[in-house]
Every structure is written in C-alpha cells, then in structure tokens.
Amino acid sequence: MNVLGLIYIFLLVILDQLTKKWAIDYLSNIGSIPVIENIFYLTYVENKGAAFGIFHGKVNFLIIVTGIITGYIIYYMYSNKNLTNLTKLALSLIVSGALGNLIDRIRLGFVVDFFDFRIWPVFNVADICVVIGSILISYIILTNKE
C-alpha cells in the first residue's frame, strides 16, 4: 500500500461519513424522499446487523470480525509489495467500506443506510465500496492465469 492508496481510503471513508451525516440530519426526521417515484428513494434506515440484516443485534461481534478482517487486509497490502494496481484498488475499496461501516457501529451501534431501490435492501456508500471491491477481487481471481 502506498500513500495514494491511503488517501483514497481516507477520502472514501470521509465521503461515506458525510453522506451518512446528511442522512441522519435530514432523512431521519422525514423517513423517505422519492427521487424517482416507485424506483429510487432516499430512505433513512438504522441497520443493526450486516448485509441483508444477518447477525441482527450482534454489534460487538460485527465490530470484532470487521476489525480482524480489515486489519488482515491492510497487513496483506503492506507485506505484498508486488500487488497489481487493480488488486490494490479492489482491496482499498473493501477497506474503505469496512472502515466506514465500522465507524458507524462503534459510534452509533448501527449502520446508517439510505439508498433505497425498493427491490433491494437499503444501502450506503460504504456498501458500494465493498461490493465494487469484491467484484474486482472476483474478476482478478477468475482471470488469474497462475
């Protein structure tokens, strides 16, 4: 991991936290705002679990597991200097998302979600980072010739 990777992680965590602050400040009082009627809403949700609501109410467990996994990914990035730029990007996205949601769990006891497509669970910027990073890692694994 280099300084640029740390800057990306820092900026993505800040973006995540700023959007969640906006959701708390404005959406928590009104609940939901339609952006595209019957398709896309901004809806305030306090997620006390993980993806799709699994481990609901197990905040301490999620904090510990997220801390361990994130710590390992950061260690892996530092100890493997020959990672491709795509791998560095993918892992940085995953770390950014994990840290964004970890901050919520530690600070609030839940994760703030607000992007609502009504056909999918409500999510946030950190979740987008984790999903894109995971898709990139899957691509890297599937196309690796070694």
N, C-alpha and C. Protein backbone atom coordinates (compact mmCIF):
# COMPACT_ATOMS: atom_id res chain seq x y z
N MET A 1 0.86 -1.17 0.00
CA MET A 1 0.00 0.00 0.00
C MET A 1 0.90 1.23 0.00
N ASN A 2 0.52 2.22 -0.78
CA ASN A 2 1.29 3.44 -0.85
C ASN A 2 0.47 4.61 -0.30
N VAL A 3 1.07 5.77 -0.32
CA VAL A 3 0.40 6.96 0.21
C VAL A 3 -0.88 7.25 -0.56
N LEU A 4 -0.85 7.06 -1.88
CA LEU A 4 -2.04 7.32 -2.69
C LEU A 4 -3.19 6.40 -2.28
N GLY A 5 -2.89 5.14 -1.98
CA GLY A 5 -3.91 4.20 -1.52
C GLY A 5 -4.53 4.65 -0.21
N LEU A 6 -3.69 5.14 0.70
CA LEU A 6 -4.19 5.65 1.98
C LEU A 6 -5.07 6.88 1.79
N ILE A 7 -4.69 7.73 0.83
CA ILE A 7 -5.51 8.93 0.54
C ILE A 7 -6.87 8.51 0.00
N TYR A 8 -6.89 7.54 -0.91
CA TYR A 8 -8.17 7.04 -1.45
C TYR A 8 -9.06 6.49 -0.34
N ILE A 9 -8.46 5.68 0.52
CA ILE A 9 -9.23 5.11 1.63
C ILE A 9 -9.78 6.24 2.50
N PHE A 10 -8.94 7.18 2.86
CA PHE A 10 -9.35 8.31 3.70
C PHE A 10 -10.49 9.09 3.04
N LEU A 11 -10.36 9.42 1.76
CA LEU A 11 -11.39 10.20 1.07
C LEU A 11 -12.71 9.44 0.96
N LEU A 12 -12.64 8.13 0.69
CA LEU A 12 -13.87 7.35 0.59
C LEU A 12 -14.57 7.22 1.94
N VAL A 13 -13.79 7.06 3.01
CA VAL A 13 -14.39 7.00 4.35
C VAL A 13 -15.03 8.34 4.69
N ILE A 14 -14.37 9.44 4.35
CA ILE A 14 -14.94 10.78 4.59
C ILE A 14 -16.23 10.96 3.79
N LEU A 15 -16.23 10.57 2.51
CA LEU A 15 -17.44 10.66 1.70
C LEU A 15 -18.57 9.85 2.32
N ASP A 16 -18.26 8.63 2.73
CA ASP A 16 -19.26 7.78 3.37
C ASP A 16 -19.82 8.44 4.63
N GLN A 17 -18.95 8.94 5.48
CA GLN A 17 -19.40 9.54 6.74
C GLN A 17 -20.18 10.83 6.51
N LEU A 18 -19.79 11.62 5.53
CA LEU A 18 -20.53 12.86 5.24
C LEU A 18 -21.93 12.55 4.71
N THR A 19 -22.05 11.54 3.84
CA THR A 19 -23.38 11.20 3.33
C THR A 19 -24.26 10.62 4.43
N LYS A 20 -23.66 9.87 5.35
CA LYS A 20 -24.43 9.32 6.46
C LYS A 20 -24.85 10.44 7.43
N LYS A 21 -23.98 11.42 7.63
CA LYS A 21 -24.35 12.56 8.47
C LYS A 21 -25.53 13.30 7.86
N TRP A 22 -25.49 13.47 6.54
CA TRP A 22 -26.61 14.11 5.85
C TRP A 22 -27.89 13.30 6.07
N ALA A 23 -27.79 11.99 5.94
CA ALA A 23 -28.97 11.13 6.14
C ALA A 23 -29.51 11.27 7.55
N ILE A 24 -28.62 11.29 8.54
CA ILE A 24 -29.07 11.45 9.93
C ILE A 24 -29.72 12.82 10.12
N ASP A 25 -29.07 13.87 9.62
CA ASP A 25 -29.56 15.24 9.83
C ASP A 25 -30.87 15.52 9.11
N TYR A 26 -31.05 14.98 7.90
CA TYR A 26 -32.22 15.34 7.10
C TYR A 26 -33.23 14.23 6.91
N LEU A 27 -32.77 13.02 6.70
CA LEU A 27 -33.71 11.94 6.42
C LEU A 27 -34.32 11.32 7.67
N SER A 28 -33.58 11.33 8.77
CA SER A 28 -34.09 10.65 9.97
C SER A 28 -35.40 11.26 10.45
N ASN A 29 -35.61 12.53 10.20
CA ASN A 29 -36.84 13.19 10.62
C ASN A 29 -38.02 12.93 9.70
N ILE A 30 -37.74 12.69 8.41
CA ILE A 30 -38.84 12.52 7.46
C ILE A 30 -38.97 11.09 6.93
N GLY A 31 -37.95 10.28 7.13
CA GLY A 31 -38.04 8.87 6.73
C GLY A 31 -37.59 8.61 5.32
N SER A 32 -38.34 9.10 4.33
CA SER A 32 -38.06 8.73 2.95
C SER A 32 -38.43 9.86 2.00
N ILE A 33 -37.61 10.03 0.97
CA ILE A 33 -37.86 11.01 -0.09
C ILE A 33 -37.82 10.28 -1.43
N PRO A 34 -38.87 10.37 -2.23
CA PRO A 34 -38.80 9.75 -3.56
C PRO A 34 -37.90 10.59 -4.48
N VAL A 35 -36.95 9.94 -5.12
CA VAL A 35 -36.11 10.60 -6.12
C VAL A 35 -36.69 10.31 -7.49
N ILE A 36 -36.98 9.03 -7.74
CA ILE A 36 -37.70 8.58 -8.94
C ILE A 36 -38.84 7.72 -8.42
N GLU A 37 -40.05 8.25 -8.47
CA GLU A 37 -41.22 7.60 -7.89
C GLU A 37 -41.30 6.13 -8.27
N ASN A 38 -41.52 5.28 -7.27
CA ASN A 38 -41.65 3.82 -7.40
C ASN A 38 -40.37 3.11 -7.85
N ILE A 39 -39.24 3.83 -7.92
CA ILE A 39 -37.99 3.20 -8.34
C ILE A 39 -36.88 3.46 -7.33
N PHE A 40 -36.58 4.73 -7.06
CA PHE A 40 -35.44 5.08 -6.22
C PHE A 40 -35.84 6.12 -5.18
N TYR A 41 -35.52 5.82 -3.92
CA TYR A 41 -35.83 6.71 -2.80
C TYR A 41 -34.57 6.91 -1.95
N LEU A 42 -34.55 7.96 -1.20
CA LEU A 42 -33.59 8.14 -0.13
C LEU A 42 -34.36 7.87 1.15
N THR A 43 -34.03 6.78 1.80
CA THR A 43 -34.78 6.31 2.96
C THR A 43 -33.83 6.07 4.12
N TYR A 44 -34.12 6.67 5.26
CA TYR A 44 -33.26 6.51 6.44
C TYR A 44 -33.54 5.18 7.11
N VAL A 45 -32.48 4.37 7.27
CA VAL A 45 -32.58 3.07 7.94
C VAL A 45 -31.41 2.91 8.90
N GLU A 46 -31.71 2.43 10.09
CA GLU A 46 -30.67 2.08 11.07
C GLU A 46 -30.49 0.57 11.03
N ASN A 47 -29.42 0.12 10.41
CA ASN A 47 -29.16 -1.31 10.23
C ASN A 47 -28.35 -1.81 11.42
N LYS A 48 -28.97 -2.64 12.25
CA LYS A 48 -28.30 -3.18 13.43
C LYS A 48 -27.70 -4.56 13.17
N GLY A 49 -27.59 -4.92 11.89
CA GLY A 49 -26.98 -6.18 11.51
C GLY A 49 -25.95 -5.95 10.44
N ALA A 50 -25.72 -6.98 9.63
CA ALA A 50 -24.79 -6.88 8.50
C ALA A 50 -25.63 -6.92 7.21
N ALA A 51 -25.01 -7.30 6.12
CA ALA A 51 -25.70 -7.36 4.84
C ALA A 51 -26.97 -8.19 4.94
N PHE A 52 -28.04 -7.68 4.37
CA PHE A 52 -29.34 -8.34 4.35
C PHE A 52 -29.89 -8.60 5.76
N GLY A 53 -29.37 -7.86 6.75
CA GLY A 53 -29.87 -7.98 8.12
C GLY A 53 -29.35 -9.18 8.89
N ILE A 54 -28.37 -9.92 8.33
CA ILE A 54 -27.84 -11.06 9.09
C ILE A 54 -27.07 -10.55 10.31
N PHE A 55 -26.98 -11.36 11.32
CA PHE A 55 -26.34 -11.02 12.59
C PHE A 55 -26.99 -9.79 13.24
N HIS A 56 -28.29 -9.64 13.07
CA HIS A 56 -29.02 -8.52 13.66
C HIS A 56 -28.79 -8.47 15.17
N GLY A 57 -28.39 -7.29 15.64
CA GLY A 57 -28.19 -7.08 17.07
C GLY A 57 -26.85 -7.58 17.58
N LYS A 58 -26.01 -8.13 16.74
CA LYS A 58 -24.70 -8.66 17.14
C LYS A 58 -23.61 -7.62 16.84
N VAL A 59 -23.78 -6.41 17.34
CA VAL A 59 -22.88 -5.30 17.02
C VAL A 59 -21.45 -5.58 17.45
N ASN A 60 -21.27 -6.06 18.68
CA ASN A 60 -19.91 -6.34 19.15
C ASN A 60 -19.22 -7.40 18.31
N PHE A 61 -19.93 -8.43 17.95
CA PHE A 61 -19.40 -9.47 17.09
C PHE A 61 -18.97 -8.88 15.74
N LEU A 62 -19.83 -8.05 15.15
CA LEU A 62 -19.52 -7.43 13.86
C LEU A 62 -18.33 -6.49 13.95
N ILE A 63 -18.21 -5.77 15.06
CA ILE A 63 -17.06 -4.88 15.26
C ILE A 63 -15.77 -5.69 15.31
N ILE A 64 -15.78 -6.78 16.06
CA ILE A 64 -14.58 -7.62 16.20
C ILE A 64 -14.20 -8.25 14.86
N VAL A 65 -15.17 -8.86 14.19
CA VAL A 65 -14.89 -9.54 12.92
C VAL A 65 -14.41 -8.53 11.87
N THR A 66 -15.08 -7.39 11.78
CA THR A 66 -14.68 -6.37 10.81
C THR A 66 -13.27 -5.86 11.11
N GLY A 67 -12.97 -5.65 12.37
CA GLY A 67 -11.64 -5.19 12.76
C GLY A 67 -10.56 -6.20 12.38
N ILE A 68 -10.81 -7.47 12.63
CA ILE A 68 -9.85 -8.52 12.31
C ILE A 68 -9.63 -8.63 10.79
N ILE A 69 -10.72 -8.68 10.04
CA ILE A 69 -10.62 -8.82 8.58
C ILE A 69 -9.96 -7.59 7.97
N THR A 70 -10.36 -6.42 8.39
CA THR A 70 -9.77 -5.19 7.86
C THR A 70 -8.29 -5.11 8.20
N GLY A 71 -7.95 -5.45 9.43
CA GLY A 71 -6.54 -5.47 9.83
C GLY A 71 -5.73 -6.42 8.98
N TYR A 72 -6.28 -7.60 8.71
CA TYR A 72 -5.57 -8.57 7.88
C TYR A 72 -5.38 -8.05 6.46
N ILE A 73 -6.41 -7.44 5.88
CA ILE A 73 -6.29 -6.92 4.51
C ILE A 73 -5.21 -5.84 4.46
N ILE A 74 -5.19 -4.95 5.43
CA ILE A 74 -4.17 -3.89 5.46
C ILE A 74 -2.77 -4.52 5.60
N TYR A 75 -2.63 -5.50 6.50
CA TYR A 75 -1.36 -6.22 6.66
C TYR A 75 -0.95 -6.86 5.33
N TYR A 76 -1.89 -7.51 4.67
CA TYR A 76 -1.62 -8.18 3.39
C TYR A 76 -1.15 -7.17 2.35
N MET A 77 -1.79 -6.01 2.30
CA MET A 77 -1.40 -4.99 1.33
C MET A 77 0.00 -4.45 1.61
N TYR A 78 0.35 -4.29 2.87
CA TYR A 78 1.67 -3.78 3.22
C TYR A 78 2.77 -4.82 3.01
N SER A 79 2.47 -6.09 3.24
CA SER A 79 3.51 -7.10 3.14
C SER A 79 3.67 -7.67 1.74
N ASN A 80 2.80 -7.34 0.82
CA ASN A 80 2.90 -7.80 -0.57
C ASN A 80 3.11 -6.60 -1.48
N LYS A 81 4.34 -6.28 -1.72
CA LYS A 81 4.69 -5.09 -2.50
C LYS A 81 4.45 -5.26 -4.00
N ASN A 82 4.25 -6.48 -4.47
CA ASN A 82 4.10 -6.71 -5.90
C ASN A 82 2.65 -6.86 -6.34
N LEU A 83 1.71 -6.36 -5.56
CA LEU A 83 0.29 -6.43 -5.95
C LEU A 83 0.05 -5.54 -7.17
N THR A 84 -0.82 -5.99 -8.04
CA THR A 84 -1.17 -5.16 -9.19
C THR A 84 -1.97 -3.95 -8.72
N ASN A 85 -2.02 -2.93 -9.57
CA ASN A 85 -2.80 -1.74 -9.23
C ASN A 85 -4.28 -2.06 -9.06
N LEU A 86 -4.78 -2.99 -9.87
CA LEU A 86 -6.18 -3.38 -9.76
C LEU A 86 -6.45 -4.07 -8.42
N THR A 87 -5.54 -4.91 -7.98
CA THR A 87 -5.69 -5.58 -6.68
C THR A 87 -5.64 -4.55 -5.55
N LYS A 88 -4.70 -3.62 -5.65
CA LYS A 88 -4.61 -2.56 -4.64
C LYS A 88 -5.92 -1.75 -4.58
N LEU A 89 -6.45 -1.42 -5.76
CA LEU A 89 -7.70 -0.67 -5.81
C LEU A 89 -8.83 -1.47 -5.17
N ALA A 90 -8.95 -2.72 -5.53
CA ALA A 90 -10.02 -3.58 -5.01
C ALA A 90 -9.94 -3.68 -3.48
N LEU A 91 -8.75 -3.96 -2.97
CA LEU A 91 -8.59 -4.10 -1.52
C LEU A 91 -8.80 -2.76 -0.81
N SER A 92 -8.38 -1.67 -1.42
CA SER A 92 -8.60 -0.34 -0.83
C SER A 92 -10.09 -0.02 -0.76
N LEU A 93 -10.84 -0.40 -1.77
CA LEU A 93 -12.29 -0.18 -1.74
C LEU A 93 -12.94 -0.99 -0.61
N ILE A 94 -12.53 -2.23 -0.47
CA ILE A 94 -13.09 -3.08 0.59
C ILE A 94 -12.75 -2.50 1.96
N VAL A 95 -11.51 -2.09 2.16
CA VAL A 95 -11.10 -1.50 3.43
C VAL A 95 -11.88 -0.22 3.70
N SER A 96 -12.04 0.62 2.68
CA SER A 96 -12.79 1.88 2.84
C SER A 96 -14.22 1.60 3.32
N GLY A 97 -14.88 0.67 2.66
CA GLY A 97 -16.25 0.35 3.04
C GLY A 97 -16.34 -0.26 4.42
N ALA A 98 -15.42 -1.16 4.71
CA ALA A 98 -15.42 -1.79 6.04
C ALA A 98 -15.20 -0.76 7.13
N LEU A 99 -14.25 0.15 6.93
CA LEU A 99 -13.99 1.18 7.93
C LEU A 99 -15.17 2.14 8.09
N GLY A 100 -15.81 2.51 6.97
CA GLY A 100 -16.97 3.40 7.05
C GLY A 100 -18.08 2.81 7.90
N ASN A 101 -18.39 1.54 7.67
CA ASN A 101 -19.45 0.90 8.46
C ASN A 101 -18.99 0.59 9.88
N LEU A 102 -17.69 0.29 10.06
CA LEU A 102 -17.15 0.05 11.39
C LEU A 102 -17.26 1.30 12.26
N ILE A 103 -16.98 2.45 11.68
CA ILE A 103 -17.12 3.72 12.41
C ILE A 103 -18.55 3.88 12.91
N ASP A 104 -19.52 3.60 12.05
CA ASP A 104 -20.94 3.69 12.47
C ASP A 104 -21.24 2.75 13.63
N ARG A 105 -20.80 1.50 13.50
CA ARG A 105 -21.11 0.51 14.55
C ARG A 105 -20.50 0.92 15.89
N ILE A 106 -19.28 1.43 15.86
CA ILE A 106 -18.62 1.85 17.10
C ILE A 106 -19.29 3.11 17.65
N ARG A 107 -19.54 4.07 16.78
CA ARG A 107 -20.06 5.38 17.22
C ARG A 107 -21.55 5.35 17.54
N LEU A 108 -22.34 4.64 16.72
CA LEU A 108 -23.80 4.71 16.84
C LEU A 108 -24.45 3.41 17.32
N GLY A 109 -23.76 2.29 17.16
CA GLY A 109 -24.35 1.00 17.48
C GLY A 109 -25.16 0.42 16.34
N PHE A 110 -25.12 1.06 15.18
CA PHE A 110 -25.82 0.61 13.97
C PHE A 110 -25.17 1.29 12.77
N VAL A 111 -25.51 0.81 11.58
CA VAL A 111 -25.01 1.40 10.34
C VAL A 111 -26.14 2.18 9.69
N VAL A 112 -25.85 3.40 9.26
CA VAL A 112 -26.83 4.23 8.58
C VAL A 112 -26.86 3.86 7.10
N ASP A 113 -28.03 3.47 6.62
CA ASP A 113 -28.26 3.17 5.20
C ASP A 113 -29.31 4.13 4.67
N PHE A 114 -29.25 4.42 3.35
CA PHE A 114 -30.23 5.39 2.82
C PHE A 114 -30.53 5.27 1.33
N PHE A 115 -29.72 4.56 0.54
CA PHE A 115 -30.05 4.36 -0.88
C PHE A 115 -31.08 3.23 -0.96
N ASP A 116 -32.23 3.52 -1.52
CA ASP A 116 -33.35 2.58 -1.49
C ASP A 116 -33.95 2.40 -2.87
N PHE A 117 -33.70 1.23 -3.48
CA PHE A 117 -34.28 0.91 -4.79
C PHE A 117 -35.54 0.06 -4.66
N ARG A 118 -36.01 -0.17 -3.45
CA ARG A 118 -37.25 -0.88 -3.15
C ARG A 118 -37.25 -2.36 -3.54
N ILE A 119 -36.38 -2.79 -4.42
CA ILE A 119 -36.30 -4.21 -4.78
C ILE A 119 -35.04 -4.84 -4.17
N TRP A 120 -34.31 -4.06 -3.40
CA TRP A 120 -33.04 -4.49 -2.81
C TRP A 120 -32.95 -3.86 -1.43
N PRO A 121 -32.26 -4.48 -0.49
CA PRO A 121 -32.11 -3.85 0.83
C PRO A 121 -31.44 -2.46 0.71
N VAL A 122 -31.81 -1.57 1.59
CA VAL A 122 -31.27 -0.21 1.62
C VAL A 122 -29.77 -0.29 1.93
N PHE A 123 -28.96 0.57 1.27
CA PHE A 123 -27.51 0.50 1.42
C PHE A 123 -26.91 1.90 1.47
N ASN A 124 -25.56 1.98 1.54
CA ASN A 124 -24.87 3.26 1.68
C ASN A 124 -23.60 3.27 0.83
N VAL A 125 -22.83 4.36 0.91
CA VAL A 125 -21.60 4.50 0.13
C VAL A 125 -20.58 3.42 0.51
N ALA A 126 -20.45 3.12 1.79
CA ALA A 126 -19.50 2.08 2.23
C ALA A 126 -19.86 0.74 1.60
N ASP A 127 -21.14 0.42 1.55
CA ASP A 127 -21.57 -0.84 0.94
C ASP A 127 -21.21 -0.88 -0.54
N ILE A 128 -21.35 0.24 -1.23
CA ILE A 128 -20.98 0.32 -2.64
C ILE A 128 -19.49 0.02 -2.80
N CYS A 129 -18.67 0.59 -1.93
CA CYS A 129 -17.22 0.34 -1.98
C CYS A 129 -16.91 -1.14 -1.80
N VAL A 130 -17.54 -1.78 -0.81
CA VAL A 130 -17.29 -3.20 -0.55
C VAL A 130 -17.72 -4.05 -1.75
N VAL A 131 -18.87 -3.75 -2.31
CA VAL A 131 -19.38 -4.54 -3.43
C VAL A 131 -18.49 -4.38 -4.66
N ILE A 132 -18.12 -3.15 -5.01
CA ILE A 132 -17.25 -2.94 -6.17
C ILE A 132 -15.90 -3.60 -5.94
N GLY A 133 -15.33 -3.44 -4.75
CA GLY A 133 -14.06 -4.09 -4.43
C GLY A 133 -14.15 -5.60 -4.53
N SER A 134 -15.24 -6.17 -4.05
CA SER A 134 -15.44 -7.63 -4.11
C SER A 134 -15.60 -8.12 -5.54
N ILE A 135 -16.31 -7.36 -6.36
CA ILE A 135 -16.45 -7.72 -7.78
C ILE A 135 -15.09 -7.70 -8.46
N LEU A 136 -14.28 -6.69 -8.15
CA LEU A 136 -12.94 -6.61 -8.74
C LEU A 136 -12.07 -7.78 -8.28
N ILE A 137 -12.14 -8.14 -7.00
CA ILE A 137 -11.36 -9.29 -6.50
C ILE A 137 -11.82 -10.57 -7.20
N SER A 138 -13.12 -10.73 -7.38
CA SER A 138 -13.64 -11.91 -8.09
C SER A 138 -13.11 -11.95 -9.52
N TYR A 139 -13.12 -10.82 -10.17
CA TYR A 139 -12.59 -10.73 -11.54
C TYR A 139 -11.12 -11.12 -11.57
N ILE A 140 -10.34 -10.58 -10.62
CA ILE A 140 -8.91 -10.87 -10.55
C ILE A 140 -8.69 -12.37 -10.35
N ILE A 141 -9.44 -12.99 -9.46
CA ILE A 141 -9.30 -14.42 -9.18
C ILE A 141 -9.68 -15.25 -10.43
N LEU A 142 -10.79 -14.87 -11.05
CA LEU A 142 -11.27 -15.65 -12.20
C LEU A 142 -10.39 -15.52 -13.44
N THR A 143 -9.69 -14.40 -13.56
CA THR A 143 -8.85 -14.19 -14.75
C THR A 143 -7.38 -14.44 -14.50
N ASN A 144 -7.02 -14.82 -13.27
CA ASN A 144 -5.62 -15.09 -12.94
C ASN A 144 -5.18 -16.37 -13.62
N LYS A 145 -4.11 -16.30 -14.37
CA LYS A 145 -3.64 -17.45 -15.14
C LYS A 145 -2.74 -18.37 -14.31
N GLU A 146 -2.33 -17.95 -13.12
CA GLU A 146 -1.42 -18.77 -12.30
C GLU A 146 -2.16 -19.78 -11.47
